[in-house]
C-alpha cells in the first residue's frame, strides 16, 4: 500500500495481515503520518482510503494502463 503518495512522508508498506470484520490491516510503518493520511492499495484501479472513513473505497477515474482494451 502507498501511504500519502506524493507527499514528504510518502512510503510504501506491505500489508502483513487484514481483518475484514474489523476493517483493519497490519503493516510495518517507518514514518509518522498525520490524521487524514491517504492509503492507496496497489491494485488497479487505485482506490483511495482516508483515515476515519471506515475504509470505504472512492474509486478514482483514471486512464487504463492498456489504452487498447476496455
PDB file of N, CA and C in Angstrom:
ATOM      1  N   UNK A   1       0.845  -1.166   0.000  1.00  0.00           N
ATOM      2  CA  UNK A   1       0.000   0.000   0.000  1.00  0.00           C
ATOM      3  C   UNK A   1       0.890   1.228   0.000  1.00  0.00           C
ATOM      4  N   UNK A   2       0.436   2.236  -0.713  1.00  0.00           N
ATOM      5  CA  UNK A   2       1.120   3.522  -0.681  1.00  0.00           C
ATOM      6  C   UNK A   2       0.445   4.405   0.364  1.00  0.00           C
ATOM      7  N   UNK A   3       1.260   5.021   1.196  1.00  0.00           N
ATOM      8  CA  UNK A   3       0.753   5.937   2.207  1.00  0.00           C
ATOM      9  C   UNK A   3       1.191   7.341   1.800  1.00  0.00           C
ATOM     10  N   UNK A   4       0.237   8.270   1.722  1.00  0.00           N
ATOM     11  CA  UNK A   4       0.492   9.673   1.369  1.00  0.00           C
ATOM     12  C   UNK A   4       1.320   9.819   0.097  1.00  0.00           C
ATOM     13  N   UNK A   5       0.894   9.161  -0.939  1.00  0.00           N
ATOM     14  CA  UNK A   5       1.599   9.187  -2.224  1.00  0.00           C
ATOM     15  C   UNK A   5       1.842  10.623  -2.678  1.00  0.00           C
ATOM     16  N   UNK A   6       3.098  10.944  -3.004  1.00  0.00           N
ATOM     17  CA  UNK A   6       3.466  12.259  -3.490  1.00  0.00           C
ATOM     18  C   UNK A   6       3.741  13.297  -2.425  1.00  0.00           C
ATOM     19  N   UNK A   7       3.604  12.929  -1.156  1.00  0.00           N
ATOM     20  CA  UNK A   7       3.843  13.856  -0.053  1.00  0.00           C
ATOM     21  C   UNK A   7       5.228  13.614   0.546  1.00  0.00           C
ATOM     22  N   UNK A   8       5.682  14.523   1.407  1.00  0.00           N
ATOM     23  CA  UNK A   8       7.010  14.408   2.023  1.00  0.00           C
ATOM     24  C   UNK A   8       7.147  13.133   2.857  1.00  0.00           C
ATOM     25  N   UNK A   9       6.039  12.680   3.450  1.00  0.00           N
ATOM     26  CA  UNK A   9       6.089  11.475   4.295  1.00  0.00           C
ATOM     27  C   UNK A   9       5.596  10.224   3.560  1.00  0.00           C
ATOM     28  N   UNK A  10       5.657  10.263   2.235  1.00  0.00           N
ATOM     29  CA  UNK A  10       5.227   9.113   1.427  1.00  0.00           C
ATOM     30  C   UNK A  10       6.031   7.872   1.788  1.00  0.00           C
ATOM     31  N   UNK A  11       5.340   6.749   1.826  1.00  0.00           N
ATOM     32  CA  UNK A  11       6.030   5.470   1.978  1.00  0.00           C
ATOM     33  C   UNK A  11       5.163   4.350   1.423  1.00  0.00           C
ATOM     34  N   UNK A  12       5.801   3.255   1.114  1.00  0.00           N
ATOM     35  CA  UNK A  12       5.136   2.044   0.648  1.00  0.00           C
ATOM     36  C   UNK A  12       5.246   1.025   1.768  1.00  0.00           C
ATOM     37  N   UNK A  13       4.127   0.413   2.139  1.00  0.00           N
ATOM     38  CA  UNK A  13       4.150  -0.622   3.175  1.00  0.00           C
ATOM     39  C   UNK A  13       3.545  -1.901   2.624  1.00  0.00           C
ATOM     40  N   UNK A  14       4.033  -3.002   3.110  1.00  0.00           N
ATOM     41  CA  UNK A  14       3.491  -4.304   2.746  1.00  0.00           C
ATOM     42  C   UNK A  14       2.497  -4.721   3.830  1.00  0.00           C
ATOM     43  N   UNK A  15       1.294  -5.041   3.422  1.00  0.00           N
ATOM     44  CA  UNK A  15       0.284  -5.492   4.373  1.00  0.00           C
ATOM     45  C   UNK A  15       0.631  -6.907   4.816  1.00  0.00           C
ATOM     46  N   UNK A  16       0.738  -7.089   6.121  1.00  0.00           N
ATOM     47  CA  UNK A  16       1.087  -8.383   6.692  1.00  0.00           C
ATOM     48  C   UNK A  16      -0.148  -9.208   7.030  1.00  0.00           C
ATOM     49  N   UNK A  17      -1.231  -8.520   7.376  1.00  0.00           N
ATOM     50  CA  UNK A  17      -2.480  -9.200   7.719  1.00  0.00           C
ATOM     51  C   UNK A  17      -3.631  -8.218   7.528  1.00  0.00           C
ATOM     52  N   UNK A  18      -4.812  -8.760   7.261  1.00  0.00           N
ATOM     53  CA  UNK A  18      -6.009  -7.938   7.116  1.00  0.00           C
ATOM     54  C   UNK A  18      -7.168  -8.634   7.806  1.00  0.00           C
ATOM     55  N   UNK A  19      -8.032  -7.847   8.430  1.00  0.00           N
ATOM     56  CA  UNK A  19      -9.207  -8.373   9.117  1.00  0.00           C
ATOM     57  C   UNK A  19     -10.434  -7.673   8.539  1.00  0.00           C
ATOM     58  N   UNK A  20     -11.174  -8.380   7.696  1.00  0.00           N
ATOM     59  CA  UNK A  20     -12.338  -7.765   7.040  1.00  0.00           C
ATOM     60  C   UNK A  20     -13.455  -7.453   8.025  1.00  0.00           C
ATOM     61  N   UNK A  21     -13.582  -8.217   9.105  1.00  0.00           N
ATOM     62  CA  UNK A  21     -14.640  -7.959  10.084  1.00  0.00           C
ATOM     63  C   UNK A  21     -14.434  -6.622  10.795  1.00  0.00           C
ATOM     64  N   UNK A  22     -13.199  -6.351  11.223  1.00  0.00           N
ATOM     65  CA  UNK A  22     -12.933  -5.092  11.927  1.00  0.00           C
ATOM     66  C   UNK A  22     -12.440  -3.997  10.992  1.00  0.00           C
ATOM     67  N   UNK A  23     -12.283  -4.328   9.702  1.00  0.00           N
ATOM     68  CA  UNK A  23     -11.812  -3.394   8.681  1.00  0.00           C
ATOM     69  C   UNK A  23     -10.493  -2.748   9.081  1.00  0.00           C
ATOM     70  N   UNK A  24      -9.537  -3.599   9.451  1.00  0.00           N
ATOM     71  CA  UNK A  24      -8.204  -3.145   9.819  1.00  0.00           C
ATOM     72  C   UNK A  24      -7.169  -3.940   9.047  1.00  0.00           C
ATOM     73  N   UNK A  25      -5.956  -3.389   8.986  1.00  0.00           N
ATOM     74  CA  UNK A  25      -4.845  -4.125   8.417  1.00  0.00           C
ATOM     75  C   UNK A  25      -3.612  -3.885   9.266  1.00  0.00           C
ATOM     76  N   UNK A  26      -2.663  -4.794   9.186  1.00  0.00           N
ATOM     77  CA  UNK A  26      -1.417  -4.695   9.923  1.00  0.00           C
ATOM     78  C   UNK A  26      -0.278  -4.544   8.925  1.00  0.00           C
ATOM     79  N   UNK A  27       0.576  -3.564   9.145  1.00  0.00           N
ATOM     80  CA  UNK A  27       1.742  -3.318   8.296  1.00  0.00           C
ATOM     81  C   UNK A  27       2.814  -2.658   9.149  1.00  0.00           C
ATOM     82  N   UNK A  28       4.056  -2.703   8.692  1.00  0.00           N
ATOM     83  CA  UNK A  28       5.146  -2.040   9.397  1.00  0.00           C
ATOM     84  C   UNK A  28       5.377  -0.686   8.740  1.00  0.00           C
ATOM     85  N   UNK A  29       5.162   0.369   9.504  1.00  0.00           N
ATOM     86  CA  UNK A  29       5.362   1.732   9.037  1.00  0.00           C
ATOM     87  C   UNK A  29       6.699   2.236   9.547  1.00  0.00           C
ATOM     88  N   UNK A  30       7.415   2.995   8.719  1.00  0.00           N
ATOM     89  CA  UNK A  30       8.702   3.552   9.131  1.00  0.00           C
ATOM     90  C   UNK A  30       8.640   5.061   9.332  1.00  0.00           C
ATOM     91  N   UNK A  31       7.502   5.676   9.006  1.00  0.00           N
ATOM     92  CA  UNK A  31       7.340   7.121   9.145  1.00  0.00           C
ATOM     93  C   UNK A  31       6.073   7.422   9.926  1.00  0.00           C
ATOM     94  N   UNK A  32       6.047   8.600  10.561  1.00  0.00           N
ATOM     95  CA  UNK A  32       4.841   9.075  11.224  1.00  0.00           C
ATOM     96  C   UNK A  32       3.939   9.729  10.189  1.00  0.00           C
ATOM     97  N   UNK A  33       2.612   9.562  10.355  1.00  0.00           N
ATOM     98  CA  UNK A  33       1.639  10.151   9.440  1.00  0.00           C
ATOM     99  C   UNK A  33       0.560  10.846  10.250  1.00  0.00           C
ATOM    100  N   UNK A  34       0.175  12.031   9.799  1.00  0.00           N
ATOM    101  CA  UNK A  34      -0.878  12.794  10.465  1.00  0.00           C
ATOM    102  C   UNK A  34      -2.236  12.146  10.207  1.00  0.00           C
ATOM    103  N   UNK A  35      -3.198  12.481  11.063  1.00  0.00           N
ATOM    104  CA  UNK A  35      -4.573  12.032  10.839  1.00  0.00           C
ATOM    105  C   UNK A  35      -5.017  12.513   9.469  1.00  0.00           C
ATOM    106  N   UNK A  36      -5.714  11.669   8.739  1.00  0.00           N
ATOM    107  CA  UNK A  36      -6.174  12.015   7.408  1.00  0.00           C
ATOM    108  C   UNK A  36      -5.228  11.602   6.297  1.00  0.00           C
ATOM    109  N   UNK A  37      -4.150  10.903   6.645  1.00  0.00           N
ATOM    110  CA  UNK A  37      -3.218  10.419   5.626  1.00  0.00           C
ATOM    111  C   UNK A  37      -3.959   9.509   4.652  1.00  0.00           C
ATOM    112  N   UNK A  38      -3.608   9.585   3.373  1.00  0.00           N
ATOM    113  CA  UNK A  38      -4.261   8.737   2.381  1.00  0.00           C
ATOM    114  C   UNK A  38      -3.571   7.380   2.299  1.00  0.00           C
ATOM    115  N   UNK A  39      -4.381   6.365   2.064  1.00  0.00           N
ATOM    116  CA  UNK A  39      -3.900   4.997   1.910  1.00  0.00           C
ATOM    117  C   UNK A  39      -4.370   4.522   0.550  1.00  0.00           C
ATOM    118  N   UNK A  40      -3.432   4.151  -0.316  1.00  0.00           N
ATOM    119  CA  UNK A  40      -3.781   3.705  -1.661  1.00  0.00           C
ATOM    120  C   UNK A  40      -3.315   2.274  -1.867  1.00  0.00           C
ATOM    121  N   UNK A  41      -4.243   1.352  -1.899  1.00  0.00           N
ATOM    122  CA  UNK A  41      -3.850  -0.029  -2.214  1.00  0.00           C
ATOM    123  C   UNK A  41      -3.196  -0.079  -3.587  1.00  0.00           C
ATOM    124  N   UNK A  42      -2.229  -0.919  -3.739  1.00  0.00           N
ATOM    125  CA  UNK A  42      -1.517  -1.007  -5.011  1.00  0.00           C
ATOM    126  C   UNK A  42      -2.185  -2.047  -5.908  1.00  0.00           C
ATOM    127  N   UNK A  43      -3.417  -1.719  -6.308  1.00  0.00           N
ATOM    128  CA  UNK A  43      -4.206  -2.516  -7.241  1.00  0.00           C
ATOM    129  C   UNK A  43      -4.729  -1.576  -8.312  1.00  0.00           C
ATOM    130  N   UNK A  44      -5.257  -2.107  -9.394  1.00  0.00           N
ATOM    131  CA  UNK A  44      -5.816  -1.265 -10.455  1.00  0.00           C
ATOM    132  C   UNK A  44      -7.313  -1.473 -10.541  1.00  0.00           C
ATOM    133  N   UNK A  45      -8.169  -0.478 -10.626  1.00  0.00           N
ATOM    134  CA  UNK A  45      -7.841   0.929 -10.449  1.00  0.00           C
ATOM    135  C   UNK A  45      -7.515   1.213  -8.996  1.00  0.00           C
ATOM    136  N   UNK A  46      -6.841   2.309  -8.745  1.00  0.00           N
ATOM    137  CA  UNK A  46      -6.367   2.617  -7.400  1.00  0.00           C
ATOM    138  C   UNK A  46      -7.444   3.328  -6.591  1.00  0.00           C
ATOM    139  N   UNK A  47      -8.018   2.647  -5.600  1.00  0.00           N
ATOM    140  CA  UNK A  47      -8.961   3.323  -4.717  1.00  0.00           C
ATOM    141  C   UNK A  47      -8.204   4.162  -3.692  1.00  0.00           C
ATOM    142  N   UNK A  48      -8.857   5.142  -3.120  1.00  0.00           N
ATOM    143  CA  UNK A  48      -8.253   5.973  -2.090  1.00  0.00           C
ATOM    144  C   UNK A  48      -9.010   5.735  -0.795  1.00  0.00           C
ATOM    145  N   UNK A  49      -8.276   5.467   0.266  1.00  0.00           N
ATOM    146  CA  UNK A  49      -8.864   5.288   1.582  1.00  0.00           C
ATOM    147  C   UNK A  49      -8.375   6.424   2.462  1.00  0.00           C
ATOM    148  N   UNK A  50      -9.262   7.086   3.147  1.00  0.00           N
ATOM    149  CA  UNK A  50      -8.892   8.137   4.075  1.00  0.00           C
ATOM    150  C   UNK A  50      -9.118   7.661   5.496  1.00  0.00           C
ATOM    151  N   UNK A  51      -8.187   7.982   6.374  1.00  0.00           N
ATOM    152  CA  UNK A  51      -8.306   7.576   7.761  1.00  0.00           C
ATOM    153  C   UNK A  51      -9.614   8.115   8.324  1.00  0.00           C
ATOM    154  N   UNK A  52     -10.359   7.260   8.988  1.00  0.00           N
ATOM    155  CA  UNK A  52     -11.594   7.681   9.617  1.00  0.00           C
ATOM    156  C   UNK A  52     -12.837   7.478   8.777  1.00  0.00           C
ATOM    157  N   UNK A  53     -12.722   6.983   7.549  1.00  0.00           N
ATOM    158  CA  UNK A  53     -13.932   6.799   6.746  1.00  0.00           C
ATOM    159  C   UNK A  53     -14.309   5.328   6.639  1.00  0.00           C
ATOM    160  N   UNK A  54     -13.970   4.543   7.636  1.00  0.00           N
ATOM    161  CA  UNK A  54     -14.333   3.129   7.698  1.00  0.00           C
ATOM    162  C   UNK A  54     -13.847   2.347   6.482  1.00  0.00           C
ATOM    163  N   UNK A  55     -12.726   2.766   5.935  1.00  0.00           N
ATOM    164  CA  UNK A  55     -12.104   2.101   4.804  1.00  0.00           C
ATOM    165  C   UNK A  55     -13.038   1.977   3.600  1.00  0.00           C
ATOM    166  N   UNK A  56     -13.898   2.975   3.397  1.00  0.00           N
ATOM    167  CA  UNK A  56     -14.784   2.997   2.239  1.00  0.00           C
ATOM    168  C   UNK A  56     -13.979   3.359   1.006  1.00  0.00           C
ATOM    169  N   UNK A  57     -14.221   2.681  -0.094  1.00  0.00           N
ATOM    170  CA  UNK A  57     -13.474   2.922  -1.317  1.00  0.00           C
ATOM    171  C   UNK A  57     -14.063   4.079  -2.100  1.00  0.00           C
ATOM    172  N   UNK A  58     -13.200   4.931  -2.619  1.00  0.00           N
ATOM    173  CA  UNK A  58     -13.570   6.005  -3.521  1.00  0.00           C
ATOM    174  C   UNK A  58     -12.766   5.753  -4.789  1.00  0.00           C
ATOM    175  N   UNK A  59     -13.380   5.110  -5.781  1.00  0.00           N
ATOM    176  CA  UNK A  59     -12.669   4.730  -6.991  1.00  0.00           C
ATOM    177  C   UNK A  59     -12.449   5.977  -7.850  1.00  0.00           C
ATOM    178  N   UNK A  60     -11.192   6.244  -8.168  1.00  0.00           N
ATOM    179  CA  UNK A  60     -10.842   7.395  -8.987  1.00  0.00           C
ATOM    180  C   UNK A  60     -11.013   7.072 -10.462  1.00  0.00           C
ATOM    181  N   UNK A  61     -11.341   8.070 -11.234  1.00  0.00           N
ATOM    182  CA  UNK A  61     -11.385   7.910 -12.677  1.00  0.00           C
ATOM    183  C   UNK A  61      -9.963   8.065 -13.196  1.00  0.00           C
ATOM    184  N   UNK A  62      -9.427   7.014 -13.745  1.00  0.00           N
ATOM    185  CA  UNK A  62      -8.057   7.034 -14.246  1.00  0.00           C
ATOM    186  C   UNK A  62      -8.012   6.341 -15.611  1.00  0.00           C
ATOM    187  N   UNK A  63      -7.010   6.704 -16.369  1.00  0.00           N
ATOM    188  CA  UNK A  63      -6.841   6.072 -17.682  1.00  0.00           C
ATOM    189  C   UNK A  63      -6.443   4.616 -17.506  1.00  0.00           C
ATOM    190  N   UNK A  64      -6.842   3.782 -18.436  1.00  0.00           N
ATOM    191  CA  UNK A  64      -6.480   2.369 -18.420  1.00  0.00           C
ATOM    192  C   UNK A  64      -4.980   2.223 -18.621  1.00  0.00           C
ATOM    193  N   UNK A  65      -4.344   1.274 -17.942  1.00  0.00           N
ATOM    194  CA  UNK A  65      -2.915   1.036 -18.181  1.00  0.00           C
ATOM    195  C   UNK A  65      -2.675   0.444 -19.577  1.00  0.00           C
ATOM    196  N   UNK A  66      -3.738  -0.045 -20.200  1.00  0.00           N
ATOM    197  CA  UNK A  66      -3.652  -0.618 -21.539  1.00  0.00           C
ATOM    198  C   UNK A  66      -4.690   0.086 -22.399  1.00  0.00           C
ATOM    199  N   UNK A  67      -4.331   1.221 -23.062  1.00  0.00           N
ATOM    200  CA  UNK A  67      -5.309   2.003 -23.812  1.00  0.00           C
ATOM    201  C   UNK A  67      -6.025   1.245 -24.922  1.00  0.00           C
ATOM    202  N   UNK A  68      -5.510   0.086 -25.347  1.00  0.00           N
ATOM    203  CA  UNK A  68      -6.137  -0.665 -26.423  1.00  0.00           C
ATOM    204  C   UNK A  68      -7.240  -1.594 -25.960  1.00  0.00           C
ATOM    205  N   UNK A  69      -7.514  -1.616 -24.650  1.00  0.00           N
ATOM    206  CA  UNK A  69      -8.563  -2.513 -24.143  1.00  0.00           C
ATOM    207  C   UNK A  69      -9.604  -1.731 -23.365  1.00  0.00           C
ATOM    208  N   UNK A  70     -10.744  -2.357 -23.132  1.00  0.00           N
ATOM    209  CA  UNK A  70     -11.814  -1.699 -22.346  1.00  0.00           C
ATOM    210  C   UNK A  70     -11.883  -2.279 -20.979  1.00  0.00           C
TER     211      UNK A  70
END
